[in-house]
Structures are given as structure tokens and as C-alpha cells.
Amino acid sequence: QLQHMGINMNSVNAQLQQVGTEKDRLTANIDQLKRALDEYKQRA
């Protein structure tokens, strides 16, 4: 049904994987920001 609607499941799966990767990247960025904040507080 999805293919009949023009939805490529392989593309959807790739997008989902990309979303997961982006989530991991954001999580890593948040961790970096937290470490930077701690370093800033120590510097202050």
C-alpha cells in the first residue's frame, strides 16, 4: 500500500536511521555543552 502511495520504504528506513544518528549527535552536543558549562563555571 505504501509503495502504491509512492513511499519508498528503503528511503524511509534510511531517514529513520539518519534521525537516530542526528539524535545521537545532538546527545553528544548536549554532553559537550554540559562539559563546557562546567569548565566555564570553574573558570568563573
Full PDB file with SEQRES, HELIX, SHEET, SSBOND, CRYST1, ORIGX, SCALE, CONECT and MASTER records, all heavy atoms in Angstrom:
SEQRES   1 A   44  GLN LEU GLN HIS MET GLY ILE ASN MET ASN SER VAL ASN          
SEQRES   2 A   44  ALA GLN LEU GLN GLN VAL GLY THR GLU LYS ASP ARG LEU          
SEQRES   3 A   44  THR ALA ASN ILE ASP GLN LEU LYS ARG ALA LEU ASP GLU          
SEQRES   4 A   44  TYR LYS GLN ARG ALA                                          
HELIX    1 AA1 MET A    9  ARG A   43  1                                  35    
CRYST1    1.000    1.000    1.000  90.00  90.00  90.00 P 1           1          
ORIGX1      1.000000  0.000000  0.000000        0.00000                         
ORIGX2      0.000000  1.000000  0.000000        0.00000                         
ORIGX3      0.000000  0.000000  1.000000        0.00000                         
SCALE1      1.000000  0.000000  0.000000        0.00000                         
SCALE2      0.000000  1.000000  0.000000        0.00000                         
SCALE3      0.000000  0.000000  1.000000        0.00000                         
ATOM      1  N   GLN A   1       0.825  -1.208   0.000  1.00  0.00           N  
ATOM      2  CA  GLN A   1       0.000   0.000   0.000  1.00  0.00           C  
ATOM      3  C   GLN A   1       0.861   1.261   0.000  1.00  0.00           C  
ATOM      4  O   GLN A   1       0.577   2.237  -0.693  1.00  0.00           O  
ATOM      5  CB  GLN A   1      -0.944  -0.011   1.204  1.00  0.00           C  
ATOM      6  CG  GLN A   1      -2.010  -1.094   1.133  1.00  0.00           C  
ATOM      7  CD  GLN A   1      -2.829  -1.163   2.405  1.00  0.00           C  
ATOM      8  OE1 GLN A   1      -2.604  -0.405   3.343  1.00  0.00           O  
ATOM      9  NE2 GLN A   1      -3.814  -2.079   2.433  1.00  0.00           N  
ATOM     10  N   LEU A   2       1.929   1.230   0.824  1.00  0.00           N  
ATOM     11  CA  LEU A   2       2.815   2.400   0.901  1.00  0.00           C  
ATOM     12  C   LEU A   2       3.533   2.637  -0.417  1.00  0.00           C  
ATOM     13  O   LEU A   2       3.675   3.775  -0.869  1.00  0.00           O  
ATOM     14  CB  LEU A   2       3.828   2.218   2.041  1.00  0.00           C  
ATOM     15  CG  LEU A   2       3.249   2.300   3.458  1.00  0.00           C  
ATOM     16  CD1 LEU A   2       4.298   1.893   4.486  1.00  0.00           C  
ATOM     17  CD2 LEU A   2       2.730   3.703   3.757  1.00  0.00           C  
ATOM     18  N   GLN A   3       3.994   1.550  -1.033  1.00  0.00           N  
ATOM     19  CA  GLN A   3       4.654   1.695  -2.327  1.00  0.00           C  
ATOM     20  C   GLN A   3       3.683   2.209  -3.379  1.00  0.00           C  
ATOM     21  O   GLN A   3       4.048   3.008  -4.244  1.00  0.00           O  
ATOM     22  CB  GLN A   3       5.245   0.350  -2.752  1.00  0.00           C  
ATOM     23  CG  GLN A   3       6.459  -0.060  -1.927  1.00  0.00           C  
ATOM     24  CD  GLN A   3       6.971  -1.437  -2.314  1.00  0.00           C  
ATOM     25  OE1 GLN A   3       6.400  -2.083  -3.202  1.00  0.00           O  
ATOM     26  NE2 GLN A   3       8.033  -1.878  -1.649  1.00  0.00           N  
ATOM     27  N   HIS A   4       2.433   1.737  -3.300  1.00  0.00           N  
ATOM     28  CA  HIS A   4       1.408   2.220  -4.228  1.00  0.00           C  
ATOM     29  C   HIS A   4       1.166   3.718  -4.033  1.00  0.00           C  
ATOM     30  O   HIS A   4       0.830   4.438  -4.980  1.00  0.00           O  
ATOM     31  CB  HIS A   4       0.102   1.440  -4.005  1.00  0.00           C  
ATOM     32  CG  HIS A   4      -1.000   1.844  -4.940  1.00  0.00           C  
ATOM     33  ND1 HIS A   4      -0.984   1.542  -6.302  1.00  0.00           N  
ATOM     34  CD2 HIS A   4      -2.149   2.545  -4.714  1.00  0.00           C  
ATOM     35  CE1 HIS A   4      -2.070   2.047  -6.871  1.00  0.00           C  
ATOM     36  NE2 HIS A   4      -2.801   2.650  -5.925  1.00  0.00           N  
ATOM     37  N   MET A   5       1.364   4.191  -2.776  1.00  0.00           N  
ATOM     38  CA  MET A   5       1.200   5.616  -2.466  1.00  0.00           C  
ATOM     39  C   MET A   5       2.449   6.413  -2.815  1.00  0.00           C  
ATOM     40  O   MET A   5       2.498   7.625  -2.619  1.00  0.00           O  
ATOM     41  CB  MET A   5       0.879   5.786  -0.976  1.00  0.00           C  
ATOM     42  CG  MET A   5      -0.469   5.187  -0.570  1.00  0.00           C  
ATOM     43  SD  MET A   5      -0.671   5.082   1.220  1.00  0.00           S  
ATOM     44  CE  MET A   5      -0.594   6.821   1.663  1.00  0.00           C  
ATOM     45  N   GLY A   6       3.472   5.738  -3.308  1.00  0.00           N  
ATOM     46  CA  GLY A   6       4.695   6.425  -3.713  1.00  0.00           C  
ATOM     47  C   GLY A   6       5.718   6.556  -2.614  1.00  0.00           C  
ATOM     48  O   GLY A   6       6.641   7.373  -2.706  1.00  0.00           O  
ATOM     49  N   ILE A   7       5.577   5.786  -1.549  1.00  0.00           N  
ATOM     50  CA  ILE A   7       6.509   5.842  -0.419  1.00  0.00           C  
ATOM     51  C   ILE A   7       7.510   4.717  -0.545  1.00  0.00           C  
ATOM     52  O   ILE A   7       7.138   3.544  -0.599  1.00  0.00           O  
ATOM     53  CB  ILE A   7       5.760   5.744   0.921  1.00  0.00           C  
ATOM     54  CG1 ILE A   7       4.804   6.927   1.075  1.00  0.00           C  
ATOM     55  CG2 ILE A   7       6.750   5.709   2.078  1.00  0.00           C  
ATOM     56  CD1 ILE A   7       3.941   6.857   2.301  1.00  0.00           C  
ATOM     57  N   ASN A   8       8.801   5.102  -0.628  1.00  0.00           N  
ATOM     58  CA  ASN A   8       9.880   4.125  -0.744  1.00  0.00           C  
ATOM     59  C   ASN A   8      10.322   3.728   0.652  1.00  0.00           C  
ATOM     60  O   ASN A   8      10.875   4.541   1.400  1.00  0.00           O  
ATOM     61  CB  ASN A   8      11.058   4.729  -1.524  1.00  0.00           C  
ATOM     62  CG  ASN A   8      12.112   3.687  -1.851  1.00  0.00           C  
ATOM     63  OD1 ASN A   8      12.311   2.750  -1.094  1.00  0.00           O  
ATOM     64  ND2 ASN A   8      12.786   3.867  -2.978  1.00  0.00           N  
ATOM     65  N   MET A   9      10.059   2.458   0.994  1.00  0.00           N  
ATOM     66  CA  MET A   9      10.386   2.028   2.354  1.00  0.00           C  
ATOM     67  C   MET A   9      11.879   2.062   2.629  1.00  0.00           C  
ATOM     68  O   MET A   9      12.322   2.313   3.748  1.00  0.00           O  
ATOM     69  CB  MET A   9       9.836   0.613   2.596  1.00  0.00           C  
ATOM     70  CG  MET A   9       8.327   0.558   2.705  1.00  0.00           C  
ATOM     71  SD  MET A   9       7.688   1.685   3.964  1.00  0.00           S  
ATOM     72  CE  MET A   9       8.481   1.029   5.426  1.00  0.00           C  
ATOM     73  N   ASN A  10      12.698   1.783   1.608  1.00  0.00           N  
ATOM     74  CA  ASN A  10      14.144   1.850   1.814  1.00  0.00           C  
ATOM     75  C   ASN A  10      14.567   3.266   2.182  1.00  0.00           C  
ATOM     76  O   ASN A  10      15.417   3.488   3.042  1.00  0.00           O  
ATOM     77  CB  ASN A  10      14.879   1.392   0.542  1.00  0.00           C  
ATOM     78  CG  ASN A  10      14.698  -0.087   0.288  1.00  0.00           C  
ATOM     79  OD1 ASN A  10      14.515  -0.877   1.220  1.00  0.00           O  
ATOM     80  ND2 ASN A  10      14.735  -0.478  -0.980  1.00  0.00           N  
ATOM     81  N   SER A  11      13.927   4.236   1.517  1.00  0.00           N  
ATOM     82  CA  SER A  11      14.222   5.634   1.831  1.00  0.00           C  
ATOM     83  C   SER A  11      13.769   5.987   3.244  1.00  0.00           C  
ATOM     84  O   SER A  11      14.454   6.682   3.984  1.00  0.00           O  
ATOM     85  CB  SER A  11      13.544   6.551   0.812  1.00  0.00           C  
ATOM     86  OG  SER A  11      13.737   7.899   1.166  1.00  0.00           O  
ATOM     87  N   VAL A  12      12.574   5.481   3.602  1.00  0.00           N  
ATOM     88  CA  VAL A  12      12.068   5.739   4.959  1.00  0.00           C  
ATOM     89  C   VAL A  12      13.014   5.167   6.000  1.00  0.00           C  
ATOM     90  O   VAL A  12      13.344   5.808   7.005  1.00  0.00           O  
ATOM     91  CB  VAL A  12      10.655   5.150   5.118  1.00  0.00           C  
ATOM     92  CG1 VAL A  12      10.218   5.217   6.584  1.00  0.00           C  
ATOM     93  CG2 VAL A  12       9.677   5.907   4.242  1.00  0.00           C  
ATOM     94  N   ASN A  13      13.446   3.938   5.769  1.00  0.00           N  
ATOM     95  CA  ASN A  13      14.382   3.315   6.716  1.00  0.00           C  
ATOM     96  C   ASN A  13      15.676   4.119   6.826  1.00  0.00           C  
ATOM     97  O   ASN A  13      16.240   4.290   7.914  1.00  0.00           O  
ATOM     98  CB  ASN A  13      14.692   1.887   6.283  1.00  0.00           C  
ATOM     99  CG  ASN A  13      13.494   0.968   6.458  1.00  0.00           C  
ATOM    100  OD1 ASN A  13      12.640   1.205   7.318  1.00  0.00           O  
ATOM    101  ND2 ASN A  13      13.414  -0.078   5.638  1.00  0.00           N  
ATOM    102  N   ALA A  14      16.177   4.607   5.679  1.00  0.00           N  
ATOM    103  CA  ALA A  14      17.394   5.420   5.701  1.00  0.00           C  
ATOM    104  C   ALA A  14      17.174   6.711   6.487  1.00  0.00           C  
ATOM    105  O   ALA A  14      18.034   7.150   7.255  1.00  0.00           O  
ATOM    106  CB  ALA A  14      17.839   5.732   4.266  1.00  0.00           C  
ATOM    107  N   GLN A  15      15.985   7.322   6.294  1.00  0.00           N  
ATOM    108  CA  GLN A  15      15.674   8.548   7.034  1.00  0.00           C  
ATOM    109  C   GLN A  15      15.586   8.288   8.530  1.00  0.00           C  
ATOM    110  O   GLN A  15      16.037   9.085   9.350  1.00  0.00           O  
ATOM    111  CB  GLN A  15      14.378   9.146   6.509  1.00  0.00           C  
ATOM    112  CG  GLN A  15      14.486   9.708   5.097  1.00  0.00           C  
ATOM    113  CD  GLN A  15      13.147  10.203   4.583  1.00  0.00           C  
ATOM    114  OE1 GLN A  15      12.189  10.303   5.336  1.00  0.00           O  
ATOM    115  NE2 GLN A  15      13.094  10.507   3.293  1.00  0.00           N  
ATOM    116  N   LEU A  16      14.954   7.164   8.868  1.00  0.00           N  
ATOM    117  CA  LEU A  16      14.863   6.817  10.287  1.00  0.00           C  
ATOM    118  C   LEU A  16      16.251   6.626  10.891  1.00  0.00           C  
ATOM    119  O   LEU A  16      16.530   7.050  12.016  1.00  0.00           O  
ATOM    120  CB  LEU A  16      14.017   5.555  10.462  1.00  0.00           C  
ATOM    121  CG  LEU A  16      12.518   5.712  10.204  1.00  0.00           C  
ATOM    122  CD1 LEU A  16      11.830   4.348  10.259  1.00  0.00           C  
ATOM    123  CD2 LEU A  16      11.900   6.667  11.217  1.00  0.00           C  
ATOM    124  N   GLN A  17      17.121   5.977  10.132  1.00  0.00           N  
ATOM    125  CA  GLN A  17      18.487   5.774  10.613  1.00  0.00           C  
ATOM    126  C   GLN A  17      19.204   7.108  10.766  1.00  0.00           C  
ATOM    127  O   GLN A  17      19.938   7.331  11.725  1.00  0.00           O  
ATOM    128  CB  GLN A  17      19.253   4.866   9.648  1.00  0.00           C  
ATOM    129  CG  GLN A  17      20.664   4.529  10.126  1.00  0.00           C  
ATOM    130  CD  GLN A  17      21.352   3.555   9.181  1.00  0.00           C  
ATOM    131  OE1 GLN A  17      20.805   3.209   8.145  1.00  0.00           O  
ATOM    132  NE2 GLN A  17      22.542   3.135   9.544  1.00  0.00           N  
ATOM    133  N   GLN A  18      18.951   8.029   9.804  1.00  0.00           N  
ATOM    134  CA  GLN A  18      19.567   9.349   9.879  1.00  0.00           C  
ATOM    135  C   GLN A  18      19.066  10.111  11.099  1.00  0.00           C  
ATOM    136  O   GLN A  18      19.823  10.798  11.774  1.00  0.00           O  
ATOM    137  CB  GLN A  18      19.264  10.135   8.603  1.00  0.00           C  
ATOM    138  CG  GLN A  18      19.916  11.519   8.574  1.00  0.00           C  
ATOM    139  CD  GLN A  18      19.620  12.236   7.264  1.00  0.00           C  
ATOM    140  OE1 GLN A  18      18.973  11.697   6.400  1.00  0.00           O  
ATOM    141  NE2 GLN A  18      20.090  13.464   7.158  1.00  0.00           N  
ATOM    142  N   VAL A  19      17.747   9.992  11.356  1.00  0.00           N  
ATOM    143  CA  VAL A  19      17.179  10.642  12.545  1.00  0.00           C  
ATOM    144  C   VAL A  19      17.850  10.111  13.810  1.00  0.00           C  
ATOM    145  O   VAL A  19      18.194  10.854  14.724  1.00  0.00           O  
ATOM    146  CB  VAL A  19      15.659  10.436  12.600  1.00  0.00           C  
ATOM    147  CG1 VAL A  19      15.105  10.878  13.955  1.00  0.00           C  
ATOM    148  CG2 VAL A  19      14.990  11.218  11.483  1.00  0.00           C  
ATOM    149  N   GLY A  20      18.046   8.778  13.844  1.00  0.00           N  
ATOM    150  CA  GLY A  20      18.721   8.190  15.003  1.00  0.00           C  
ATOM    151  C   GLY A  20      20.132   8.707  15.145  1.00  0.00           C  
ATOM    152  O   GLY A  20      20.592   9.027  16.250  1.00  0.00           O  
ATOM    153  N   THR A  21      20.843   8.840  14.000  1.00  0.00           N  
ATOM    154  CA  THR A  21      22.206   9.369  14.035  1.00  0.00           C  
ATOM    155  C   THR A  21      22.214  10.819  14.506  1.00  0.00           C  
ATOM    156  O   THR A  21      23.060  11.228  15.303  1.00  0.00           O  
ATOM    157  CB  THR A  21      22.848   9.263  12.634  1.00  0.00           C  
ATOM    158  OG1 THR A  21      22.823   7.899  12.214  1.00  0.00           O  
ATOM    159  CG2 THR A  21      24.276   9.769  12.661  1.00  0.00           C  
ATOM    160  N   GLU A  22      21.245  11.606  13.992  1.00  0.00           N  
ATOM    161  CA  GLU A  22      21.158  13.009  14.403  1.00  0.00           C  
ATOM    162  C   GLU A  22      20.848  13.114  15.894  1.00  0.00           C  
ATOM    163  O   GLU A  22      21.391  13.992  16.596  1.00  0.00           O  
ATOM    164  CB  GLU A  22      20.065  13.704  13.589  1.00  0.00           C  
ATOM    165  CG  GLU A  22      19.941  15.199  13.855  1.00  0.00           C  
ATOM    166  CD  GLU A  22      21.180  15.951  13.381  1.00  0.00           C  
ATOM    167  OE1 GLU A  22      21.918  15.427  12.524  1.00  0.00           O  
ATOM    168  OE2 GLU A  22      21.390  17.069  13.885  1.00  0.00           O  
ATOM    169  N   LYS A  23      19.999  12.226  16.384  1.00  0.00           N  
ATOM    170  CA  LYS A  23      19.698  12.221  17.818  1.00  0.00           C  
ATOM    171  C   LYS A  23      20.950  11.940  18.627  1.00  0.00           C  
ATOM    172  O   LYS A  23      21.217  12.604  19.640  1.00  0.00           O  
ATOM    173  CB  LYS A  23      18.633  11.165  18.114  1.00  0.00           C  
ATOM    174  CG  LYS A  23      18.271  11.078  19.591  1.00  0.00           C  
ATOM    175  CD  LYS A  23      17.248   9.993  19.831  1.00  0.00           C  
ATOM    176  CE  LYS A  23      16.930   9.868  21.327  1.00  0.00           C  
ATOM    177  NZ  LYS A  23      15.963   8.779  21.579  1.00  0.00           N  
ATOM    178  N   ASP A  24      21.731  10.958  18.163  1.00  0.00           N  
ATOM    179  CA  ASP A  24      22.992  10.654  18.863  1.00  0.00           C  
ATOM    180  C   ASP A  24      23.921  11.858  18.828  1.00  0.00           C  
ATOM    181  O   ASP A  24      24.596  12.167  19.830  1.00  0.00           O  
ATOM    182  CB  ASP A  24      23.677   9.450  18.206  1.00  0.00           C  
ATOM    183  CG  ASP A  24      22.884   8.157  18.399  1.00  0.00           C  
ATOM    184  OD1 ASP A  24      22.056   8.122  19.332  1.00  0.00           O  
ATOM    185  OD2 ASP A  24      23.097   7.213  17.618  1.00  0.00           O  
ATOM    186  N   ARG A  25      23.947  12.553  17.663  1.00  0.00           N  
ATOM    187  CA  ARG A  25      24.810  13.721  17.546  1.00  0.00           C  
ATOM    188  C   ARG A  25      24.361  14.828  18.504  1.00  0.00           C  
ATOM    189  O   ARG A  25      25.170  15.483  19.155  1.00  0.00           O  
ATOM    190  CB  ARG A  25      24.808  14.227  16.100  1.00  0.00           C  
ATOM    191  CG  ARG A  25      25.807  15.363  15.846  1.00  0.00           C  
ATOM    192  CD  ARG A  25      25.747  15.857  14.407  1.00  0.00           C  
ATOM    193  NE  ARG A  25      26.076  14.805  13.463  1.00  0.00           N  
ATOM    194  CZ  ARG A  25      25.234  14.289  12.596  1.00  0.00           C  
ATOM    195  NH1 ARG A  25      23.977  14.735  12.558  1.00  0.00           N  
ATOM    196  NH2 ARG A  25      25.610  13.338  11.768  1.00  0.00           N  
ATOM    197  N   LEU A  26      23.043  15.044  18.567  1.00  0.00           N  
ATOM    198  CA  LEU A  26      22.528  16.056  19.488  1.00  0.00           C  
ATOM    199  C   LEU A  26      22.830  15.709  20.932  1.00  0.00           C  
ATOM    200  O   LEU A  26      23.172  16.575  21.738  1.00  0.00           O  
ATOM    201  CB  LEU A  26      21.015  16.221  19.287  1.00  0.00           C  
ATOM    202  CG  LEU A  26      20.578  16.880  17.977  1.00  0.00           C  
ATOM    203  CD1 LEU A  26      19.065  16.823  17.845  1.00  0.00           C  
ATOM    204  CD2 LEU A  26      21.064  18.323  17.926  1.00  0.00           C  
ATOM    205  N   THR A  27      22.693  14.428  21.243  1.00  0.00           N  
ATOM    206  CA  THR A  27      23.020  13.988  22.603  1.00  0.00           C  
ATOM    207  C   THR A  27      24.484  14.258  22.917  1.00  0.00           C  
ATOM    208  O   THR A  27      24.829  14.734  24.005  1.00  0.00           O  
ATOM    209  CB  THR A  27      22.715  12.486  22.760  1.00  0.00           C  
ATOM    210  OG1 THR A  27      21.333  12.248  22.471  1.00  0.00           O  
ATOM    211  CG2 THR A  27      23.030  12.025  24.181  1.00  0.00           C  
ATOM    212  N   ALA A  28      25.364  13.967  21.931  1.00  0.00           N  
ATOM    213  CA  ALA A  28      26.792  14.234  22.128  1.00  0.00           C  
ATOM    214  C   ALA A  28      27.044  15.726  22.293  1.00  0.00           C  
ATOM    215  O   ALA A  28      27.854  16.148  23.133  1.00  0.00           O  
ATOM    216  CB  ALA A  28      27.590  13.678  20.948  1.00  0.00           C  
ATOM    217  N   ASN A  29      26.321  16.557  21.478  1.00  0.00           N  
ATOM    218  CA  ASN A  29      26.487  18.007  21.594  1.00  0.00           C  
ATOM    219  C   ASN A  29      26.041  18.508  22.960  1.00  0.00           C  
ATOM    220  O   ASN A  29      26.659  19.402  23.540  1.00  0.00           O  
ATOM    221  CB  ASN A  29      25.692  18.720  20.497  1.00  0.00           C  
ATOM    222  CG  ASN A  29      26.312  18.519  19.121  1.00  0.00           C  
ATOM    223  OD1 ASN A  29      27.488  18.194  19.026  1.00  0.00           O  
ATOM    224  ND2 ASN A  29      25.527  18.707  18.085  1.00  0.00           N  
ATOM    225  N   ILE A  30      24.944  17.941  23.463  1.00  0.00           N  
ATOM    226  CA  ILE A  30      24.461  18.333  24.795  1.00  0.00           C  
ATOM    227  C   ILE A  30      25.492  17.986  25.854  1.00  0.00           C  
ATOM    228  O   ILE A  30      25.777  18.783  26.764  1.00  0.00           O  
ATOM    229  CB  ILE A  30      23.113  17.649  25.091  1.00  0.00           C  
ATOM    230  CG1 ILE A  30      22.023  18.230  24.181  1.00  0.00           C  
ATOM    231  CG2 ILE A  30      22.731  17.820  26.559  1.00  0.00           C  
ATOM    232  CD1 ILE A  30      20.697  17.506  24.279  1.00  0.00           C  
ATOM    233  N   ASP A  31      26.087  16.794  25.733  1.00  0.00           N  
ATOM    234  CA  ASP A  31      27.125  16.399  26.681  1.00  0.00           C  
ATOM    235  C   ASP A  31      28.309  17.352  26.606  1.00  0.00           C  
ATOM    236  O   ASP A  31      28.879  17.741  27.642  1.00  0.00           O  
ATOM    237  CB  ASP A  31      27.588  14.963  26.400  1.00  0.00           C  
ATOM    238  CG  ASP A  31      26.510  13.941  26.717  1.00  0.00           C  
ATOM    239  OD1 ASP A  31      25.599  14.281  27.495  1.00  0.00           O  
ATOM    240  OD2 ASP A  31      26.561  12.827  26.180  1.00  0.00           O  
ATOM    241  N   GLN A  32      28.686  17.752  25.380  1.00  0.00           N  
ATOM    242  CA  GLN A  32      29.793  18.693  25.223  1.00  0.00           C  
ATOM    243  C   GLN A  32      29.455  20.038  25.847  1.00  0.00           C  
ATOM    244  O   GLN A  32      30.305  20.664  26.503  1.00  0.00           O  
ATOM    245  CB  GLN A  32      30.126  18.859  23.741  1.00  0.00           C  
ATOM    246  CG  GLN A  32      30.750  17.622  23.102  1.00  0.00           C  
ATOM    247  CD  GLN A  32      30.980  17.808  21.608  1.00  0.00           C  
ATOM    248  OE1 GLN A  32      30.623  18.848  21.038  1.00  0.00           O  
ATOM    249  NE2 GLN A  32      31.567  16.819  20.972  1.00  0.00           N  
ATOM    250  N   LEU A  33      28.213  20.485  25.639  1.00  0.00           N  
ATOM    251  CA  LEU A  33      27.796  21.762  26.225  1.00  0.00           C  
ATOM    252  C   LEU A  33      27.816  21.702  27.744  1.00  0.00           C  
ATOM    253  O   LEU A  33      28.202  22.669  28.414  1.00  0.00           O  
ATOM    254  CB  LEU A  33      26.401  22.134  25.726  1.00  0.00           C  
ATOM    255  CG  LEU A  33      26.304  22.583  24.263  1.00  0.00           C  
ATOM    256  CD1 LEU A  33      24.850  22.776  23.868  1.00  0.00           C  
ATOM    257  CD2 LEU A  33      27.081  23.874  24.051  1.00  0.00           C  
ATOM    258  N   LYS A  34      27.399  20.562  28.296  1.00  0.00           N  
ATOM    259  CA  LYS A  34      27.417  20.418  29.752  1.00  0.00           C  
ATOM    260  C   LYS A  34      28.841  20.474  30.281  1.00  0.00           C  
ATOM    261  O   LYS A  34      29.120  21.125  31.301  1.00  0.00           O  
ATOM    262  CB  LYS A  34      26.746  19.103  30.153  1.00  0.00           C  
ATOM    263  CG  LYS A  34      25.231  19.098  29.991  1.00  0.00           C  
ATOM    264  CD  LYS A  34      24.634  17.762  30.426  1.00  0.00           C  
ATOM    265  CE  LYS A  34      23.116  17.772  30.303  1.00  0.00           C  
ATOM    266  NZ  LYS A  34      22.523  16.469  30.700  1.00  0.00           N  
ATOM    267  N   ARG A  35      29.756  19.778  29.566  1.00  0.00           N  
ATOM    268  CA  ARG A  35      31.157  19.825  29.997  1.00  0.00           C  
ATOM    269  C   ARG A  35      31.708  21.247  29.873  1.00  0.00           C  
ATOM    270  O   ARG A  35      32.433  21.717  30.757  1.00  0.00           O  
ATOM    271  CB  ARG A  35      31.988  18.854  29.161  1.00  0.00           C  
ATOM    272  CG  ARG A  35      31.740  17.385  29.484  1.00  0.00           C  
ATOM    273  CD  ARG A  35      32.822  16.509  28.894  1.00  0.00           C  
ATOM    274  NE  ARG A  35      32.857  16.566  27.444  1.00  0.00           N  
ATOM    275  CZ  ARG A  35      32.156  15.757  26.654  1.00  0.00           C  
ATOM    276  NH1 ARG A  35      31.367  14.829  27.189  1.00  0.00           N  
ATOM    277  NH2 ARG A  35      32.240  15.856  25.341  1.00  0.00           N  
ATOM    278  N   ALA A  36      31.342  21.922  28.769  1.00  0.00           N  
ATOM    279  CA  ALA A  36      31.813  23.303  28.587  1.00  0.00           C  
ATOM    280  C   ALA A  36      31.260  24.217  29.676  1.00  0.00           C  
ATOM    281  O   ALA A  36      31.961  25.106  30.175  1.00  0.00           O  
ATOM    282  CB  ALA A  36      31.399  23.819  27.205  1.00  0.00           C  
ATOM    283  N   LEU A  37      29.999  23.982  30.054  1.00  0.00           N  
ATOM    284  CA  LEU A  37      29.392  24.790  31.110  1.00  0.00           C  
ATOM    285  C   LEU A  37      30.112  24.574  32.434  1.00  0.00           C  
ATOM    286  O   LEU A  37      30.385  25.522  33.176  1.00  0.00           O  
ATOM    287  CB  LEU A  37      27.908  24.447  31.250  1.00  0.00           C  
ATOM    288  CG  LEU A  37      27.128  25.207  32.335  1.00  0.00           C  
ATOM    289  CD1 LEU A  37      27.187  26.693  32.072  1.00  0.00           C  
ATOM    290  CD2 LEU A  37      25.690  24.721  32.389  1.00  0.00           C  
ATOM    291  N   ASP A  38      30.429  23.307  32.734  1.00  0.00           N  
ATOM    292  CA  ASP A  38      31.166  23.013  33.969  1.00  0.00           C  
ATOM    293  C   ASP A  38      32.534  23.694  33.954  1.00  0.00           C  
ATOM    294  O   ASP A  38      32.964  24.267  34.973  1.00  0.00           O  
ATOM    295  CB  ASP A  38      31.340  21.497  34.133  1.00  0.00           C  
ATOM    296  CG  ASP A  38      30.023  20.797  34.437  1.00  0.00           C  
ATOM    297  OD1 ASP A  38      29.095  21.478  34.901  1.00  0.00           O  
ATOM    298  OD2 ASP A  38      29.923  19.579  34.214  1.00  0.00           O  
ATOM    299  N   GLU A  39      33.218  23.632  32.794  1.00  0.00           N  
ATOM    300  CA  GLU A  39      34.524  24.287  32.685  1.00  0.00           C  
ATOM    301  C   GLU A  39      34.383  25.808  32.839  1.00  0.00           C  
ATOM    302  O   GLU A  39      35.221  26.451  33.479  1.00  0.00           O  
ATOM    303  CB  GLU A  39      35.166  23.959  31.341  1.00  0.00           C  
ATOM    304  CG  GLU A  39      35.574  22.491  31.215  1.00  0.00           C  
ATOM    305  CD  GLU A  39      36.089  22.156  29.831  1.00  0.00           C  
ATOM    306  OE1 GLU A  39      36.134  23.080  28.979  1.00  0.00           O  
ATOM    307  OE2 GLU A  39      36.462  20.987  29.597  1.00  0.00           O  
ATOM    308  N   TYR A  40      33.313  26.373  32.260  1.00  0.00           N  
ATOM    309  CA  TYR A  40      33.090  27.807  32.384  1.00  0.00           C  
ATOM    310  C   TYR A  40      32.848  28.205  33.839  1.00  0.00           C  
ATOM    311  O   TYR A  40      33.363  29.220  34.309  1.00  0.00           O  
ATOM    312  CB  TYR A  40      31.899  28.220  31.530  1.00  0.00           C  
ATOM    313  CG  TYR A  40      31.526  29.681  31.678  1.00  0.00           C  
ATOM    314  CD1 TYR A  40      32.214  30.675  30.990  1.00  0.00           C  
ATOM    315  CD2 TYR A  40      30.486  30.056  32.522  1.00  0.00           C  
ATOM    316  CE1 TYR A  40      31.877  32.007  31.133  1.00  0.00           C  
ATOM    317  CE2 TYR A  40      30.148  31.395  32.676  1.00  0.00           C  
ATOM    318  CZ  TYR A  40      30.844  32.357  31.979  1.00  0.00           C  
ATOM    319  OH  TYR A  40      30.511  33.674  32.142  1.00  0.00           O  
ATOM    320  N   LYS A  41      32.066  27.381  34.541  1.00  0.00           N  
ATOM    321  CA  LYS A  41      31.803  27.686  35.950  1.00  0.00           C  
ATOM    322  C   LYS A  41      33.100  27.651  36.756  1.00  0.00           C  
ATOM    323  O   LYS A  41      33.334  28.518  37.607  1.00  0.00           O  
ATOM    324  CB  LYS A  41      30.799  26.680  36.518  1.00  0.00           C  
ATOM    325  CG  LYS A  41      29.374  26.872  36.010  1.00  0.00           C  
ATOM    326  CD  LYS A  41      28.442  25.840  36.619  1.00  0.00           C  
ATOM    327  CE  LYS A  41      27.015  26.040  36.141  1.00  0.00           C  
ATOM    328  NZ  LYS A  41      26.102  25.007  36.713  1.00  0.00           N  
ATOM    329  N   GLN A  42      33.939  26.652  36.484  1.00  0.00           N  
ATOM    330  CA  GLN A  42      35.221  26.570  37.183  1.00  0.00           C  
ATOM    331  C   GLN A  42      36.091  27.781  36.853  1.00  0.00           C  
ATOM    332  O   GLN A  42      36.751  28.339  37.735  1.00  0.00           O  
ATOM    333  CB  GLN A  42      35.946  25.281  36.808  1.00  0.00           C  
ATOM    334  CG  GLN A  42      35.264  24.022  37.307  1.00  0.00           C  
ATOM    335  CD  GLN A  42      35.934  22.760  36.812  1.00  0.00           C  
ATOM    336  OE1 GLN A  42      36.955  22.798  36.138  1.00  0.00           O  
ATOM    337  NE2 GLN A  42      35.353  21.614  37.126  1.00  0.00           N  
ATOM    338  N   ARG A  43      36.081  28.178  35.561  1.00  0.00           N  
ATOM    339  CA  ARG A  43      36.858  29.341  35.157  1.00  0.00           C  
ATOM    340  C   ARG A  43      36.341  30.600  35.819  1.00  0.00           C  
ATOM    341  O   ARG A  43      37.121  31.464  36.254  1.00  0.00           O  
ATOM    342  CB  ARG A  43      36.807  29.490  33.634  1.00  0.00           C  
ATOM    343  CG  ARG A  43      37.659  30.622  33.076  1.00  0.00           C  
ATOM    344  CD  ARG A  43      39.112  30.423  33.400  1.00  0.00           C  
ATOM    345  NE  ARG A  43      39.946  31.375  32.688  1.00  0.00           N  
ATOM    346  CZ  ARG A  43      41.201  31.618  32.982  1.00  0.00           C  
ATOM    347  NH1 ARG A  43      41.783  30.965  33.973  1.00  0.00           N  
ATOM    348  NH2 ARG A  43      41.906  32.493  32.289  1.00  0.00           N  
ATOM    349  N   ALA A  44      35.015  30.729  35.896  1.00  0.00           N  
ATOM    350  CA  ALA A  44      34.417  31.903  36.533  1.00  0.00           C  
ATOM    351  C   ALA A  44      34.799  31.969  38.008  1.00  0.00           C  
ATOM    352  O   ALA A  44      35.102  33.046  38.541  1.00  0.00           O  
ATOM    353  CB  ALA A  44      32.893  31.860  36.376  1.00  0.00           C  
TER     354      ALA A  44                                                      
MASTER        0    0    0    1    0    0    0    6  353    1    0    4          
END                                                                             
